[in-house]
Protein backbone atom coordinates (compact mmCIF):
# COMPACT_ATOMS: atom_id res chain seq x y z
CA MET A 1 -75.95 -71.22 136.41
CA ASP A 2 -79.74 -71.30 136.29
CA LEU A 3 -80.82 -74.87 135.42
CA THR A 4 -83.66 -73.46 133.34
CA ASP A 5 -81.01 -72.09 130.96
CA HIS A 6 -80.91 -75.29 128.91
CA SER A 7 -78.77 -73.86 126.12
CA GLY A 8 -76.19 -72.66 128.63
CA LEU A 9 -76.16 -76.04 130.37
CA GLN A 10 -75.81 -77.82 127.03
CA GLN A 11 -72.80 -75.67 126.16
CA LEU A 12 -71.29 -76.35 129.57
CA LEU A 13 -71.56 -80.12 129.06
CA GLU A 14 -69.97 -79.92 125.62
CA ASP A 15 -67.13 -77.75 126.93
CA MET A 16 -66.46 -80.14 129.81
CA ILE A 17 -66.35 -83.20 127.58
CA ARG A 18 -63.91 -81.43 125.25
CA ASP A 19 -61.70 -80.18 128.08
CA THR A 20 -61.67 -83.45 130.04
CA ALA A 21 -61.27 -86.07 127.32
CA GLY A 22 -57.49 -86.13 127.73
CA GLU A 23 -57.85 -87.47 131.30
CA ALA A 24 -58.39 -90.93 129.80
CA GLU A 25 -54.64 -91.18 129.19
CA LYS A 26 -54.18 -91.54 132.95
CA GLY A 27 -56.24 -94.76 133.13
CA GLU A 28 -56.74 -98.16 131.54
CA VAL A 29 -59.82 -100.17 130.60
CA ALA A 30 -60.73 -103.10 132.84
CA SER A 31 -58.95 -106.22 131.65
CA TYR A 32 -59.93 -108.88 134.19
CA ILE A 33 -63.21 -109.30 132.30
CA PRO A 34 -61.85 -109.94 128.76
CA GLU A 35 -64.84 -108.49 126.92
CA LEU A 36 -64.45 -105.15 128.75
CA ALA A 37 -60.83 -104.95 127.60
CA ARG A 38 -62.17 -104.45 124.05
CA GLN A 39 -63.58 -101.00 124.91
CA GLU A 40 -62.06 -97.84 123.40
CA LYS A 41 -60.41 -96.06 126.32
CA HIS A 42 -60.77 -92.52 124.96
CA MET A 43 -64.56 -92.51 124.78
CA LEU A 44 -66.34 -90.02 127.05
CA GLY A 45 -70.00 -89.09 127.31
CA ILE A 46 -72.37 -87.41 129.74
CA SER A 47 -76.12 -86.99 130.10
CA VAL A 48 -78.01 -84.83 132.58
CA CYS A 49 -81.68 -85.44 133.32
CA LEU A 50 -83.34 -82.73 135.41
CA VAL A 51 -86.02 -83.95 137.81
CA ASP A 52 -88.68 -82.45 135.52
CA GLY A 53 -87.54 -84.85 132.77
CA THR A 54 -85.48 -82.41 130.69
CA LEU A 55 -82.55 -84.31 129.14
CA LEU A 56 -79.26 -82.92 127.83
CA SER A 57 -76.24 -84.87 126.54
CA ALA A 58 -72.75 -84.42 125.14
CA GLY A 59 -69.96 -86.63 123.80
CA ASP A 60 -70.43 -90.40 123.51
CA ALA A 61 -73.78 -90.34 125.30
CA ASN A 62 -75.44 -92.88 123.01
CA HIS A 63 -72.72 -95.52 123.27
CA SER A 64 -73.93 -98.52 125.27
CA PHE A 65 -71.94 -100.05 128.12
CA THR A 66 -72.72 -102.59 130.81
CA LEU A 67 -73.81 -101.34 134.21
CA GLN A 68 -71.51 -103.61 136.21
CA SER A 69 -71.55 -102.37 139.83
CA ILE A 70 -74.07 -99.60 139.10
CA SER A 71 -76.62 -102.43 138.94
CA LYS A 72 -75.99 -103.17 142.64
CA ILE A 73 -78.17 -100.18 143.52
CA PHE A 74 -81.13 -101.69 141.68
CA SER A 75 -80.79 -105.24 142.97
CA LEU A 76 -80.72 -103.65 146.45
CA MET A 77 -83.89 -101.70 145.59
CA VAL A 78 -85.67 -104.88 144.58
CA ALA A 79 -84.55 -106.70 147.73
CA LEU A 80 -85.68 -103.80 149.94
CA CYS A 81 -89.05 -103.59 148.22
CA GLU A 82 -89.58 -107.36 148.44
CA HIS A 83 -88.42 -107.90 152.04
CA GLY A 84 -87.94 -104.60 153.84
CA PRO A 85 -84.79 -103.18 155.45
CA ASP A 86 -84.80 -105.37 158.58
CA TYR A 87 -84.57 -108.58 156.56
CA VAL A 88 -81.93 -107.24 154.16
CA PHE A 89 -79.64 -105.82 156.82
CA GLN A 90 -79.64 -109.00 158.86
CA ARG A 91 -77.58 -110.47 155.99
CA VAL A 92 -75.53 -107.50 154.80
CA GLY A 93 -74.09 -104.55 156.73
CA LYS A 94 -74.28 -100.78 156.38
CA GLU A 95 -70.63 -99.79 156.84
CA PRO A 96 -68.09 -98.55 154.26
CA THR A 97 -64.85 -100.43 153.71
CA GLY A 98 -61.39 -99.23 152.81
CA ASP A 99 -60.68 -102.46 150.96
CA PRO A 100 -61.05 -103.19 147.20
CA PHE A 101 -64.55 -104.10 145.99
CA ASN A 102 -63.65 -107.78 145.49
CA SER A 103 -61.70 -108.25 148.73
CA ILE A 104 -62.37 -111.27 150.94
CA ILE A 105 -60.30 -110.06 153.93
CA LYS A 106 -63.02 -108.46 156.06
CA LEU A 107 -65.50 -111.18 155.18
CA GLU A 108 -63.17 -113.72 156.81
CA THR A 109 -62.01 -111.68 159.79
CA ILE A 110 -65.16 -109.97 161.12
CA LYS A 111 -67.97 -111.72 162.98
CA PRO A 112 -70.65 -112.36 162.02
CA HIS A 113 -69.25 -113.16 158.57
CA LYS A 114 -71.65 -110.92 156.66
CA PRO A 115 -70.51 -108.43 154.00
CA LEU A 116 -69.93 -104.90 155.28
CA ASN A 117 -72.26 -103.30 152.70
CA PRO A 118 -74.27 -104.08 149.54
CA MET A 119 -71.93 -102.19 147.20
CA ILE A 120 -68.93 -104.52 147.47
CA ASN A 121 -69.09 -107.75 145.47
CA ALA A 122 -69.73 -110.00 148.46
CA GLY A 123 -72.59 -107.76 149.59
CA ALA A 124 -74.14 -107.58 146.13
CA ILE A 125 -73.97 -111.37 145.78
CA ALA A 126 -75.72 -111.68 149.14
CA VAL A 127 -78.40 -109.24 147.95
CA ALA A 128 -78.86 -111.19 144.70
CA GLY A 129 -79.57 -114.22 146.88
CA MET A 130 -82.52 -112.35 148.44
CA ILE A 131 -84.35 -111.70 145.16
CA PRO A 132 -87.21 -114.19 144.95
CA GLY A 133 -88.34 -116.16 141.92
CA ALA A 134 -88.78 -119.65 140.55
CA SER A 135 -85.85 -119.28 138.14
CA VAL A 136 -82.89 -117.03 137.40
CA GLU A 137 -84.87 -115.53 134.52
CA GLU A 138 -87.80 -114.67 136.80
CA ARG A 139 -85.49 -113.12 139.38
CA LEU A 140 -83.62 -111.13 136.74
CA ASP A 141 -86.91 -109.91 135.32
CA LYS A 142 -87.71 -108.15 138.60
CA ILE A 143 -84.56 -106.06 138.20
CA LEU A 144 -85.08 -105.49 134.48
CA GLN A 145 -88.68 -104.38 134.94
CA LEU A 146 -87.60 -101.77 137.49
CA LEU A 147 -84.83 -100.51 135.21
CA ARG A 148 -87.15 -100.41 132.20
CA LYS A 149 -89.71 -98.32 134.08
CA MET A 150 -87.11 -95.93 135.48
CA SER A 151 -85.23 -95.47 132.21
CA GLY A 152 -88.25 -95.39 129.93
CA ASN A 153 -86.63 -98.02 127.70
CA PRO A 154 -88.71 -101.23 127.51
CA ASP A 155 -86.02 -102.97 125.46
CA LEU A 156 -83.18 -103.10 127.99
CA ARG A 157 -81.30 -106.38 127.72
CA VAL A 158 -78.30 -108.28 129.05
CA ASN A 159 -75.17 -108.03 126.92
CA GLU A 160 -74.60 -111.75 126.31
CA LYS A 161 -70.93 -111.41 125.34
CA VAL A 162 -70.05 -109.53 128.52
CA TYR A 163 -72.18 -111.88 130.62
CA GLN A 164 -70.40 -114.96 129.27
CA SER A 165 -66.99 -113.29 129.62
CA GLU A 166 -67.74 -112.33 133.22
CA LYS A 167 -69.11 -115.76 134.07
CA GLN A 168 -66.04 -117.54 132.71
CA THR A 169 -63.53 -115.42 134.65
CA ALA A 170 -65.29 -115.10 138.02
CA ASP A 171 -63.18 -117.27 140.30
CA ARG A 172 -62.91 -114.57 143.00
CA ASN A 173 -66.67 -114.00 143.02
CA ARG A 174 -67.28 -117.74 143.25
CA ALA A 175 -64.96 -117.88 146.27
CA LEU A 176 -66.90 -115.05 147.91
CA ALA A 177 -70.25 -116.70 147.18
CA TYR A 178 -69.27 -120.10 148.56
CA PHE A 179 -67.83 -118.46 151.67
CA LEU A 180 -71.19 -116.68 152.13
CA LYS A 181 -73.00 -120.00 151.68
CA ASP A 182 -70.76 -121.69 154.25
CA SER A 183 -71.38 -118.82 156.68
CA GLY A 184 -75.17 -119.10 156.35
CA ILE A 185 -75.56 -115.67 154.73
CA LEU A 186 -76.39 -116.91 151.24
CA GLN A 187 -79.51 -119.04 150.92
CA GLY A 188 -80.42 -121.24 147.95
CA ASP A 189 -78.31 -122.44 145.06
CA VAL A 190 -74.96 -120.64 144.85
CA GLU A 191 -74.47 -121.00 141.09
CA GLU A 192 -77.97 -119.70 140.34
CA THR A 193 -77.36 -116.65 142.53
CA LEU A 194 -74.02 -116.04 140.85
CA ASP A 195 -75.66 -116.36 137.46
CA LEU A 196 -78.20 -113.71 138.45
CA TYR A 197 -75.39 -111.46 139.68
CA PHE A 198 -73.39 -111.83 136.44
CA ARG A 199 -76.49 -111.13 134.39
CA HIS A 200 -77.59 -107.98 136.19
CA CYS A 201 -74.03 -106.62 136.04
CA SER A 202 -74.12 -107.18 132.25
CA ILE A 203 -77.23 -105.12 131.48
CA ASP A 204 -76.51 -102.65 128.66
CA MET A 205 -77.35 -98.95 128.94
CA THR A 206 -76.27 -95.54 127.69
CA THR A 207 -75.59 -92.41 129.72
CA VAL A 208 -79.04 -91.16 128.63
CA GLU A 209 -80.73 -94.09 130.34
CA VAL A 210 -78.45 -93.96 133.38
CA ALA A 211 -79.23 -90.26 133.84
CA ARG A 212 -82.95 -91.07 133.79
CA LEU A 213 -82.46 -93.73 136.46
CA ALA A 214 -80.55 -91.22 138.55
CA ALA A 215 -83.21 -88.53 138.11
CA VAL A 216 -85.85 -90.85 139.59
CA LEU A 217 -83.51 -91.54 142.52
CA ALA A 218 -82.89 -87.79 142.90
CA ALA A 219 -86.65 -87.26 143.11
CA ASP A 220 -87.04 -89.92 145.83
CA GLY A 221 -88.61 -92.49 143.53
CA TYR A 222 -90.93 -90.16 141.62
CA ASP A 223 -90.79 -90.30 137.82
CA ALA A 224 -91.74 -86.93 136.31
CA ARG A 225 -92.24 -88.46 132.86
CA SER A 226 -94.84 -91.05 133.90
CA ARG A 227 -95.98 -89.12 136.99
CA GLU A 228 -95.65 -92.28 139.06
CA GLN A 229 -94.04 -93.08 142.39
CA LEU A 230 -91.96 -96.07 141.27
CA PHE A 231 -90.61 -97.09 144.67
CA PRO A 232 -90.86 -95.80 148.25
CA ARG A 233 -89.05 -92.66 149.36
CA GLU A 234 -87.34 -94.64 152.14
CA VAL A 235 -85.80 -97.03 149.61
CA ALA A 236 -84.42 -94.05 147.66
CA ARG A 237 -82.99 -92.57 150.87
CA ILE A 238 -81.20 -95.80 151.77
CA CYS A 239 -79.76 -96.21 148.26
CA LYS A 240 -78.52 -92.63 148.03
CA THR A 241 -76.87 -92.95 151.43
CA PHE A 242 -75.00 -96.05 150.28
CA MET A 243 -73.96 -94.17 147.15
CA ILE A 244 -72.36 -91.44 149.29
CA THR A 245 -70.64 -93.80 151.74
CA CYS A 246 -69.76 -96.77 149.51
CA GLY A 247 -70.63 -96.00 145.89
CA MET A 248 -67.17 -95.19 144.52
CA TYR A 249 -65.39 -98.27 145.88
CA ASN A 250 -62.56 -97.45 148.28
CA ALA A 251 -62.35 -93.91 146.88
CA SER A 252 -65.80 -93.00 148.24
CA GLY A 253 -64.51 -90.65 150.94
CA GLU A 254 -62.31 -88.76 148.50
CA PHE A 255 -65.19 -88.47 146.03
CA ALA A 256 -67.54 -87.22 148.76
CA ILE A 257 -65.10 -84.44 149.61
CA ASP A 258 -64.15 -83.49 146.04
CA VAL A 259 -67.57 -83.89 144.37
CA GLY A 260 -70.14 -84.30 147.14
CA ILE A 261 -72.85 -86.10 145.13
CA PRO A 262 -74.38 -89.55 145.76
CA ALA A 263 -72.81 -91.70 143.01
CA LYS A 264 -72.21 -95.30 141.97
CA SER A 265 -69.52 -96.42 139.55
CA GLY A 266 -68.95 -99.57 137.52
CA VAL A 267 -65.82 -101.07 136.00
CA ALA A 268 -67.15 -100.73 132.45
CA GLY A 269 -66.58 -96.99 132.98
CA GLY A 270 -70.05 -95.82 133.91
CA ILE A 271 -70.94 -93.54 136.82
CA MET A 272 -74.49 -92.74 137.96
CA ALA A 273 -74.92 -89.65 140.16
CA ALA A 274 -78.11 -88.34 141.78
CA VAL A 275 -78.31 -84.74 143.00
CA PRO A 276 -81.30 -84.66 145.38
CA GLN A 277 -84.32 -82.83 143.93
CA ARG A 278 -82.20 -81.37 141.11
CA MET A 279 -80.89 -83.85 138.55
CA GLY A 280 -79.61 -87.28 137.62
CA ILE A 281 -76.30 -87.65 135.79
CA GLY A 282 -74.92 -90.49 133.70
CA VAL A 283 -71.25 -90.53 132.69
CA PHE A 284 -69.27 -93.02 130.61
CA GLY A 285 -65.50 -93.15 130.25
CA PRO A 286 -63.99 -96.67 130.21
CA ALA A 287 -60.42 -95.71 131.22
CA LEU A 288 -60.25 -96.51 134.96
CA ASP A 289 -58.02 -95.45 137.85
CA ASP A 290 -56.47 -97.94 140.28
CA LYS A 291 -59.67 -97.99 142.38
CA GLY A 292 -61.86 -99.02 139.42
CA ASN A 293 -63.50 -95.62 138.77
CA SER A 294 -63.62 -93.77 135.44
CA VAL A 295 -60.72 -91.29 135.42
CA ALA A 296 -62.33 -88.80 133.04
CA GLY A 297 -65.81 -89.46 134.46
CA VAL A 298 -64.76 -88.49 137.98
CA LYS A 299 -63.06 -85.35 136.67
CA VAL A 300 -66.17 -84.31 134.69
CA LEU A 301 -68.34 -84.75 137.78
CA GLU A 302 -65.88 -82.79 139.89
CA LYS A 303 -65.97 -79.89 137.42
CA LEU A 304 -69.75 -80.02 137.03
CA SER A 305 -70.31 -80.08 140.78
CA ASP A 306 -68.04 -77.10 141.25
CA ARG A 307 -69.59 -75.09 138.42
CA LEU A 308 -73.23 -75.78 139.40
CA ASP A 309 -72.68 -75.99 143.16
CA LEU A 310 -74.12 -79.52 143.30
CA SER A 311 -72.49 -80.80 146.49
CA VAL A 312 -75.01 -81.95 149.09
CA PHE A 313 -72.61 -81.02 151.89
């Protein structure tokens, strides 16, 4: 399909949402964060933002959800822009893991005791510890300002209910953070870094805004709407590579084969996908599989990739 055929692409998105909605029956909403358990499992929405800024949506595209692990891409961006790759990768690795995103096994057994990559929880907590600022609010603002510029929404905020729910049930993440502190990976106050991590995971967005973020990534940091280079091309390259190798938790290899697009998922049901120099995609479907990825969201992306020949491989 020619991407300039906007009416045809719009119809394709609507057809895919209709035909895929039933996939939600195969999954369940995340329950380990109580506030996320309140989500309606059958919701499904998609937005596509072409790199020229053209935006198309279908389904529950205007329903807000928290970024959760999708936000790890943007905290990594801030850390890379503030410190450079050499500094960041002294404290967090570049390798995928076959373990769950909140596992502590490899952190304990490998030496040095640094997280394997920035997309697992331990790695993202380590990255949060690298974001400078005199307070949690100042550090969070660096992430929010980037997201506001990329999405075009100056009013992005933290969902306070999800943030508090996540903070109160985060024993595993606290264990990871204190292990990182004991190993010399995490600098500064552990609870402040955790608070920053919980807050950036709890930022609210819609698939429209996520698709706009992804379109800027797809264009190597260039925003067609503002005609600005928002971050360096090299930072975009690093982030998209992590999305391919680690972005879909321990189903990243399967997703790379079946879909072939750089993508990052979150346990609220969101998926952000960036097709280099073509489009950004935001998907929301809160029913998850056993790896923590949106069941219907993955299926929609698989169908869309096949129909539009989006795979980068």
